[in-house]
């Protein structure tokens, strides 16, 4: 599945917003070309919320172990939760630059973020399910926040 197919899949989720920073967005240049996926039924990115998934297309200063700078490399990141992460990746060690395998996110793995460099045949079906699950979990979190009991 291509990067564009993943973006299209997430756009098909009820209430999903895809933030794609570029030169005109006012976002920092480092974020240009990346994608941030939110549950936002009002089409406004939540001011306090975190994305439920991202696609990163380059190395960041504090996140270069996936080796994303060579052309054609990118990484899908999904908030799966610590239990699901451990189920998918095992205890390690992990080659964080390996492609088409589930890995702990190089920076946010301890928070339950799973990563896949260049998702392909081995990971795409499960990654699609993880994206749906992460979207549904974000939807539930936001419903709890809006609840008068919360």
N, C-alpha and C. Protein backbone atom coordinates (compact mmCIF):
# COMPACT_ATOMS: atom_id res chain seq x y z
N UNK A 1 0.85 -1.18 0.00
CA UNK A 1 0.00 0.00 0.00
C UNK A 1 0.89 1.24 0.00
N UNK A 2 0.57 2.18 -0.83
CA UNK A 2 1.38 3.38 -0.94
C UNK A 2 1.00 4.39 0.15
N UNK A 3 1.86 5.36 0.31
CA UNK A 3 1.59 6.46 1.23
C UNK A 3 0.25 7.11 0.89
N UNK A 4 0.01 7.36 -0.38
CA UNK A 4 -1.24 8.00 -0.81
C UNK A 4 -2.45 7.12 -0.50
N UNK A 5 -2.32 5.81 -0.63
CA UNK A 5 -3.43 4.92 -0.31
C UNK A 5 -3.75 4.95 1.18
N UNK A 6 -2.73 5.05 2.01
CA UNK A 6 -2.96 5.15 3.46
C UNK A 6 -3.67 6.45 3.79
N UNK A 7 -3.23 7.55 3.20
CA UNK A 7 -3.89 8.84 3.42
C UNK A 7 -5.36 8.75 2.99
N UNK A 8 -5.62 8.16 1.84
CA UNK A 8 -7.00 8.00 1.36
C UNK A 8 -7.82 7.12 2.31
N UNK A 9 -7.22 6.05 2.81
CA UNK A 9 -7.92 5.18 3.75
C UNK A 9 -8.33 5.97 4.99
N UNK A 10 -7.40 6.71 5.57
CA UNK A 10 -7.72 7.47 6.78
C UNK A 10 -8.77 8.53 6.49
N UNK A 11 -8.69 9.17 5.34
CA UNK A 11 -9.71 10.17 4.98
C UNK A 11 -11.11 9.56 4.91
N UNK A 12 -11.19 8.25 4.68
CA UNK A 12 -12.50 7.59 4.60
C UNK A 12 -13.11 7.31 5.98
N UNK A 13 -12.33 7.46 7.04
CA UNK A 13 -12.83 7.22 8.40
C UNK A 13 -13.75 8.37 8.82
N UNK A 14 -14.84 8.03 9.47
CA UNK A 14 -15.78 9.03 9.95
C UNK A 14 -15.09 10.02 10.88
N UNK A 15 -15.18 11.30 10.54
CA UNK A 15 -14.63 12.33 11.41
C UNK A 15 -13.13 12.47 11.39
N UNK A 16 -12.45 11.79 10.48
CA UNK A 16 -10.99 11.89 10.42
C UNK A 16 -10.57 13.15 9.67
N UNK A 17 -9.52 13.77 10.18
CA UNK A 17 -8.91 14.93 9.52
C UNK A 17 -7.46 14.59 9.27
N UNK A 18 -7.00 14.88 8.07
CA UNK A 18 -5.61 14.66 7.69
C UNK A 18 -4.95 16.03 7.60
N UNK A 19 -4.00 16.27 8.46
CA UNK A 19 -3.23 17.50 8.44
C UNK A 19 -1.96 17.22 7.64
N UNK A 20 -1.74 17.98 6.58
CA UNK A 20 -0.58 17.80 5.70
C UNK A 20 0.16 19.13 5.60
N UNK A 21 1.05 19.42 6.56
CA UNK A 21 1.73 20.71 6.56
C UNK A 21 2.54 20.93 5.28
N UNK A 22 2.49 22.19 4.82
CA UNK A 22 3.29 22.59 3.67
C UNK A 22 3.72 24.04 3.88
N UNK A 23 4.36 24.60 2.88
CA UNK A 23 4.90 25.94 2.98
C UNK A 23 3.83 26.98 3.34
N UNK A 24 2.61 26.78 2.86
CA UNK A 24 1.53 27.73 3.08
C UNK A 24 0.78 27.53 4.40
N UNK A 25 1.09 26.47 5.12
CA UNK A 25 0.31 26.13 6.32
C UNK A 25 0.75 26.87 7.58
N UNK A 26 1.93 27.46 7.55
CA UNK A 26 2.45 28.10 8.75
C UNK A 26 3.16 27.12 9.68
N UNK A 27 3.17 25.85 9.31
CA UNK A 27 3.85 24.83 10.12
C UNK A 27 5.36 24.94 9.92
N UNK A 28 6.13 24.46 10.89
CA UNK A 28 7.59 24.48 10.71
C UNK A 28 8.00 23.68 9.47
N UNK A 29 9.04 24.12 8.82
CA UNK A 29 9.50 23.48 7.58
C UNK A 29 9.79 22.00 7.77
N UNK A 30 10.28 21.61 8.93
CA UNK A 30 10.61 20.20 9.17
C UNK A 30 9.39 19.30 8.97
N UNK A 31 8.18 19.81 9.20
CA UNK A 31 6.97 19.00 9.10
C UNK A 31 6.39 18.94 7.69
N UNK A 32 6.87 19.77 6.78
CA UNK A 32 6.35 19.77 5.43
C UNK A 32 6.51 18.40 4.80
N UNK A 33 5.47 17.92 4.17
CA UNK A 33 5.51 16.62 3.50
C UNK A 33 5.08 15.46 4.38
N UNK A 34 4.90 15.70 5.67
CA UNK A 34 4.44 14.66 6.59
C UNK A 34 2.92 14.75 6.73
N UNK A 35 2.33 13.74 7.36
CA UNK A 35 0.87 13.68 7.53
C UNK A 35 0.55 13.33 8.98
N UNK A 36 -0.47 14.00 9.52
CA UNK A 36 -0.90 13.81 10.90
C UNK A 36 -2.40 13.52 10.87
N UNK A 37 -2.81 12.41 11.47
CA UNK A 37 -4.19 11.95 11.40
C UNK A 37 -4.89 12.13 12.75
N UNK A 38 -6.01 12.84 12.73
CA UNK A 38 -6.77 13.15 13.93
C UNK A 38 -8.22 12.71 13.78
N UNK A 39 -8.84 12.40 14.89
CA UNK A 39 -10.29 12.30 14.90
C UNK A 39 -10.78 13.69 15.26
N UNK A 40 -11.51 14.32 14.36
CA UNK A 40 -12.00 15.69 14.56
C UNK A 40 -13.33 15.84 13.82
N UNK A 41 -14.43 15.42 14.44
CA UNK A 41 -15.72 15.43 13.74
C UNK A 41 -16.16 16.82 13.29
N UNK A 42 -15.64 17.88 13.92
CA UNK A 42 -15.97 19.24 13.50
C UNK A 42 -14.98 19.76 12.46
N UNK A 43 -14.08 18.91 12.00
CA UNK A 43 -13.07 19.22 10.98
C UNK A 43 -12.00 20.19 11.48
N UNK A 44 -11.95 20.43 12.78
CA UNK A 44 -10.92 21.28 13.38
C UNK A 44 -9.97 20.40 14.18
N UNK A 45 -8.68 20.54 13.92
CA UNK A 45 -7.68 19.75 14.66
C UNK A 45 -7.78 20.14 16.14
N UNK A 46 -7.94 19.14 17.02
CA UNK A 46 -8.08 19.45 18.44
C UNK A 46 -6.85 20.18 18.98
N UNK A 47 -7.05 21.28 19.74
CA UNK A 47 -5.91 22.05 20.22
C UNK A 47 -5.04 21.29 21.22
N UNK A 48 -5.64 20.38 22.00
CA UNK A 48 -4.87 19.64 23.01
C UNK A 48 -4.55 18.22 22.56
N UNK A 49 -5.22 17.75 21.55
CA UNK A 49 -5.10 16.35 21.17
C UNK A 49 -3.84 16.03 20.39
N UNK A 50 -3.50 14.77 20.45
CA UNK A 50 -2.39 14.23 19.67
C UNK A 50 -3.00 13.46 18.50
N UNK A 51 -2.27 13.32 17.41
CA UNK A 51 -2.78 12.49 16.31
C UNK A 51 -2.86 11.03 16.75
N UNK A 52 -3.73 10.28 16.09
CA UNK A 52 -3.79 8.84 16.37
C UNK A 52 -2.83 8.07 15.48
N UNK A 53 -2.33 8.74 14.45
CA UNK A 53 -1.34 8.12 13.56
C UNK A 53 -0.65 9.24 12.77
N UNK A 54 0.52 8.93 12.24
CA UNK A 54 1.26 9.89 11.42
C UNK A 54 1.99 9.14 10.31
N UNK A 55 2.37 9.88 9.30
CA UNK A 55 3.32 9.39 8.30
C UNK A 55 4.46 10.41 8.28
N UNK A 56 5.66 9.94 8.47
CA UNK A 56 6.84 10.79 8.49
C UNK A 56 7.70 10.42 7.28
N UNK A 57 8.15 11.44 6.58
CA UNK A 57 8.84 11.21 5.31
C UNK A 57 10.32 11.53 5.32
N UNK A 58 10.84 11.86 6.50
CA UNK A 58 12.25 12.23 6.57
C UNK A 58 12.74 12.03 8.00
N UNK A 59 14.03 12.02 8.17
CA UNK A 59 14.61 12.00 9.52
C UNK A 59 14.38 13.35 10.20
N UNK A 60 14.12 13.30 11.49
CA UNK A 60 14.05 14.49 12.32
C UNK A 60 15.33 14.51 13.17
N UNK A 61 15.71 15.67 13.70
CA UNK A 61 16.96 15.73 14.47
C UNK A 61 17.02 14.72 15.62
N UNK A 62 15.90 14.47 16.30
CA UNK A 62 15.89 13.53 17.43
C UNK A 62 15.32 12.17 17.05
N UNK A 63 15.14 11.92 15.75
CA UNK A 63 14.49 10.69 15.28
C UNK A 63 15.06 10.33 13.92
N UNK A 64 16.22 9.66 13.93
CA UNK A 64 16.86 9.31 12.66
C UNK A 64 17.17 7.82 12.52
N UNK A 65 16.81 7.02 13.52
CA UNK A 65 17.16 5.60 13.50
C UNK A 65 16.44 4.81 12.40
N UNK A 66 15.34 5.35 11.89
CA UNK A 66 14.63 4.65 10.81
C UNK A 66 15.25 4.91 9.46
N UNK A 67 16.20 5.83 9.39
CA UNK A 67 16.92 6.15 8.15
C UNK A 67 15.94 6.50 7.02
N UNK A 68 15.16 7.56 7.25
CA UNK A 68 14.12 7.94 6.30
C UNK A 68 14.59 8.93 5.23
N UNK A 69 15.80 9.44 5.33
CA UNK A 69 16.25 10.44 4.36
C UNK A 69 16.46 9.91 2.95
N UNK A 70 16.88 8.67 2.74
CA UNK A 70 17.02 8.22 1.34
C UNK A 70 15.68 8.27 0.61
N UNK A 71 15.69 8.61 -0.67
CA UNK A 71 14.45 8.70 -1.44
C UNK A 71 13.62 7.41 -1.36
N UNK A 72 12.31 7.60 -1.26
CA UNK A 72 11.39 6.47 -1.25
C UNK A 72 11.16 5.85 0.11
N UNK A 73 11.83 6.33 1.16
CA UNK A 73 11.62 5.77 2.50
C UNK A 73 10.72 6.70 3.29
N UNK A 74 9.78 6.10 4.03
CA UNK A 74 8.87 6.83 4.89
C UNK A 74 8.39 5.88 5.97
N UNK A 75 7.74 6.41 7.00
CA UNK A 75 7.34 5.56 8.12
C UNK A 75 5.92 5.90 8.56
N UNK A 76 5.12 4.85 8.67
CA UNK A 76 3.77 4.94 9.24
C UNK A 76 3.88 4.69 10.73
N UNK A 77 3.30 5.58 11.54
CA UNK A 77 3.31 5.47 13.00
C UNK A 77 1.86 5.43 13.48
N UNK A 78 1.55 4.49 14.36
CA UNK A 78 0.18 4.32 14.83
C UNK A 78 0.19 4.15 16.34
N UNK A 79 -0.69 4.87 17.02
CA UNK A 79 -0.82 4.67 18.46
C UNK A 79 -1.65 3.39 18.68
N UNK A 80 -1.00 2.34 19.10
CA UNK A 80 -1.64 1.04 19.28
C UNK A 80 -1.83 0.68 20.74
N UNK A 81 -1.10 1.34 21.62
CA UNK A 81 -1.12 1.01 23.05
C UNK A 81 0.01 0.05 23.37
N UNK A 82 0.49 0.10 24.61
CA UNK A 82 1.65 -0.73 24.99
C UNK A 82 1.44 -2.23 24.83
N UNK A 83 0.27 -2.75 25.17
CA UNK A 83 0.03 -4.20 25.07
C UNK A 83 0.07 -4.65 23.61
N UNK A 84 -0.62 -3.92 22.73
CA UNK A 84 -0.65 -4.28 21.31
C UNK A 84 0.75 -4.14 20.70
N UNK A 85 1.47 -3.10 21.10
CA UNK A 85 2.84 -2.93 20.61
C UNK A 85 3.68 -4.14 20.95
N UNK A 86 3.65 -4.58 22.20
CA UNK A 86 4.45 -5.73 22.61
C UNK A 86 4.03 -6.99 21.85
N UNK A 87 2.72 -7.15 21.64
CA UNK A 87 2.21 -8.29 20.86
C UNK A 87 2.77 -8.28 19.44
N UNK A 88 2.86 -7.10 18.84
CA UNK A 88 3.29 -6.99 17.45
C UNK A 88 4.80 -7.10 17.27
N UNK A 89 5.57 -6.54 18.20
CA UNK A 89 7.01 -6.42 17.97
C UNK A 89 7.88 -7.32 18.84
N UNK A 90 7.32 -7.83 19.93
CA UNK A 90 8.14 -8.63 20.83
C UNK A 90 9.12 -7.77 21.60
N UNK A 91 9.95 -8.41 22.43
CA UNK A 91 10.82 -7.65 23.33
C UNK A 91 12.06 -7.02 22.68
N UNK A 92 12.45 -7.42 21.49
CA UNK A 92 13.62 -6.81 20.85
C UNK A 92 14.85 -7.66 21.04
N UNK A 93 15.99 -7.22 20.61
CA UNK A 93 16.28 -5.92 20.00
C UNK A 93 15.67 -5.80 18.60
N UNK A 94 15.58 -4.56 18.12
CA UNK A 94 14.95 -4.29 16.83
C UNK A 94 15.88 -3.46 15.96
N UNK A 95 15.88 -3.77 14.68
CA UNK A 95 16.55 -2.94 13.69
C UNK A 95 15.53 -1.89 13.26
N UNK A 96 15.61 -0.68 13.80
CA UNK A 96 14.60 0.34 13.58
C UNK A 96 14.57 0.90 12.17
N UNK A 97 15.49 0.43 11.32
CA UNK A 97 15.47 0.86 9.92
C UNK A 97 14.90 -0.22 9.00
N UNK A 98 14.55 -1.37 9.56
CA UNK A 98 14.02 -2.47 8.74
C UNK A 98 12.68 -2.06 8.12
N UNK A 99 12.46 -2.47 6.89
CA UNK A 99 11.23 -2.14 6.18
C UNK A 99 10.21 -3.27 6.26
N UNK A 100 8.93 -2.90 6.22
CA UNK A 100 7.81 -3.82 6.16
C UNK A 100 7.76 -4.80 7.34
N UNK A 101 8.15 -4.31 8.52
CA UNK A 101 8.00 -5.07 9.76
C UNK A 101 7.52 -4.09 10.84
N UNK A 102 6.76 -4.61 11.77
CA UNK A 102 6.31 -3.78 12.89
C UNK A 102 7.46 -3.58 13.86
N UNK A 103 7.65 -2.33 14.27
CA UNK A 103 8.73 -1.94 15.17
C UNK A 103 8.17 -1.01 16.23
N UNK A 104 8.84 -0.92 17.37
CA UNK A 104 8.46 0.15 18.29
C UNK A 104 8.90 1.48 17.67
N UNK A 105 8.08 2.50 17.83
CA UNK A 105 8.48 3.82 17.34
C UNK A 105 9.81 4.20 18.01
N UNK A 106 10.76 4.71 17.26
CA UNK A 106 12.08 5.01 17.82
C UNK A 106 12.06 5.99 19.00
N UNK A 107 11.09 6.88 19.06
CA UNK A 107 11.01 7.86 20.13
C UNK A 107 9.85 7.55 21.08
N UNK A 108 8.70 7.17 20.53
CA UNK A 108 7.47 7.03 21.31
C UNK A 108 7.02 5.58 21.52
N UNK A 109 7.90 4.64 21.28
CA UNK A 109 7.55 3.23 21.48
C UNK A 109 7.09 2.94 22.89
N UNK A 110 7.73 3.54 23.88
CA UNK A 110 7.35 3.30 25.28
C UNK A 110 5.94 3.78 25.58
N UNK A 111 5.40 4.64 24.72
CA UNK A 111 4.04 5.14 24.90
C UNK A 111 3.03 4.36 24.07
N UNK A 112 3.48 3.25 23.48
CA UNK A 112 2.56 2.40 22.73
C UNK A 112 2.43 2.72 21.25
N UNK A 113 3.41 3.43 20.71
CA UNK A 113 3.38 3.74 19.28
C UNK A 113 4.15 2.68 18.50
N UNK A 114 3.49 2.12 17.49
CA UNK A 114 4.10 1.14 16.61
C UNK A 114 4.48 1.86 15.31
N UNK A 115 5.55 1.43 14.69
CA UNK A 115 6.04 2.04 13.46
C UNK A 115 6.29 0.98 12.40
N UNK A 116 6.11 1.37 11.14
CA UNK A 116 6.43 0.50 10.01
C UNK A 116 7.09 1.36 8.94
N UNK A 117 8.34 1.06 8.63
CA UNK A 117 9.02 1.74 7.53
C UNK A 117 8.56 1.08 6.24
N UNK A 118 8.09 1.88 5.31
CA UNK A 118 7.63 1.39 4.01
C UNK A 118 6.73 0.15 4.15
N UNK A 119 5.54 0.33 4.73
CA UNK A 119 4.64 -0.82 4.87
C UNK A 119 4.40 -1.49 3.51
N UNK A 120 4.37 -2.79 3.54
CA UNK A 120 4.19 -3.55 2.31
C UNK A 120 3.33 -4.77 2.55
N UNK A 121 3.58 -5.78 1.76
CA UNK A 121 2.75 -6.99 1.76
C UNK A 121 2.65 -7.65 3.14
N UNK A 122 3.74 -7.65 3.91
CA UNK A 122 3.75 -8.34 5.20
C UNK A 122 2.98 -7.59 6.29
N UNK A 123 2.86 -6.27 6.17
CA UNK A 123 2.30 -5.49 7.28
C UNK A 123 1.02 -4.73 6.95
N UNK A 124 0.70 -4.54 5.69
CA UNK A 124 -0.36 -3.59 5.34
C UNK A 124 -1.73 -3.99 5.84
N UNK A 125 -2.11 -5.24 5.78
CA UNK A 125 -3.45 -5.64 6.26
C UNK A 125 -3.57 -5.34 7.75
N UNK A 126 -2.57 -5.75 8.52
CA UNK A 126 -2.62 -5.49 9.96
C UNK A 126 -2.53 -4.00 10.25
N UNK A 127 -1.71 -3.26 9.49
CA UNK A 127 -1.60 -1.81 9.70
C UNK A 127 -2.94 -1.12 9.43
N UNK A 128 -3.67 -1.58 8.43
CA UNK A 128 -4.99 -1.01 8.15
C UNK A 128 -5.94 -1.21 9.33
N UNK A 129 -5.89 -2.40 9.91
CA UNK A 129 -6.72 -2.66 11.11
C UNK A 129 -6.27 -1.80 12.29
N UNK A 130 -4.96 -1.66 12.46
CA UNK A 130 -4.45 -0.82 13.55
C UNK A 130 -4.88 0.63 13.37
N UNK A 131 -4.87 1.13 12.14
CA UNK A 131 -5.33 2.49 11.88
C UNK A 131 -6.80 2.65 12.27
N UNK A 132 -7.63 1.67 11.89
CA UNK A 132 -9.06 1.74 12.25
C UNK A 132 -9.23 1.69 13.77
N UNK A 133 -8.47 0.82 14.42
CA UNK A 133 -8.56 0.72 15.88
C UNK A 133 -8.10 2.00 16.57
N UNK A 134 -7.02 2.61 16.07
CA UNK A 134 -6.51 3.85 16.66
C UNK A 134 -7.50 4.98 16.47
N UNK A 135 -8.13 5.03 15.32
CA UNK A 135 -9.16 6.04 15.05
C UNK A 135 -10.33 5.85 16.01
N UNK A 136 -10.79 4.62 16.17
CA UNK A 136 -11.92 4.34 17.08
C UNK A 136 -11.55 4.67 18.52
N UNK A 137 -10.33 4.37 18.93
CA UNK A 137 -9.89 4.68 20.30
C UNK A 137 -9.86 6.19 20.52
N UNK A 138 -9.38 6.94 19.53
CA UNK A 138 -9.36 8.39 19.64
C UNK A 138 -10.79 8.94 19.71
N UNK A 139 -11.68 8.36 18.93
CA UNK A 139 -13.09 8.76 18.95
C UNK A 139 -13.67 8.55 20.36
N UNK A 140 -13.38 7.41 20.96
CA UNK A 140 -13.87 7.13 22.32
C UNK A 140 -13.28 8.10 23.34
N UNK A 141 -11.97 8.38 23.23
CA UNK A 141 -11.33 9.32 24.15
C UNK A 141 -11.99 10.70 24.08
N UNK A 142 -12.22 11.16 22.88
CA UNK A 142 -12.83 12.47 22.73
C UNK A 142 -14.27 12.50 23.23
N UNK A 143 -14.99 11.40 23.04
CA UNK A 143 -16.37 11.34 23.57
C UNK A 143 -16.34 11.42 25.10
N UNK A 144 -15.39 10.75 25.73
CA UNK A 144 -15.27 10.84 27.20
C UNK A 144 -14.95 12.25 27.64
N UNK A 145 -14.07 12.92 26.92
CA UNK A 145 -13.70 14.31 27.27
C UNK A 145 -14.89 15.26 27.17
N UNK A 146 -15.77 15.01 26.20
CA UNK A 146 -16.93 15.87 26.00
C UNK A 146 -18.09 15.51 26.92
N UNK A 147 -17.99 14.36 27.56
CA UNK A 147 -19.07 13.91 28.43
C UNK A 147 -19.22 14.86 29.61
N UNK A 148 -20.48 15.19 30.00
CA UNK A 148 -20.67 16.08 31.15
C UNK A 148 -20.16 15.49 32.45
N UNK A 149 -19.98 14.17 32.51
CA UNK A 149 -19.49 13.52 33.71
C UNK A 149 -17.98 13.61 33.82
N UNK A 150 -17.33 14.08 32.78
CA UNK A 150 -15.85 14.09 32.78
C UNK A 150 -15.29 15.43 33.11
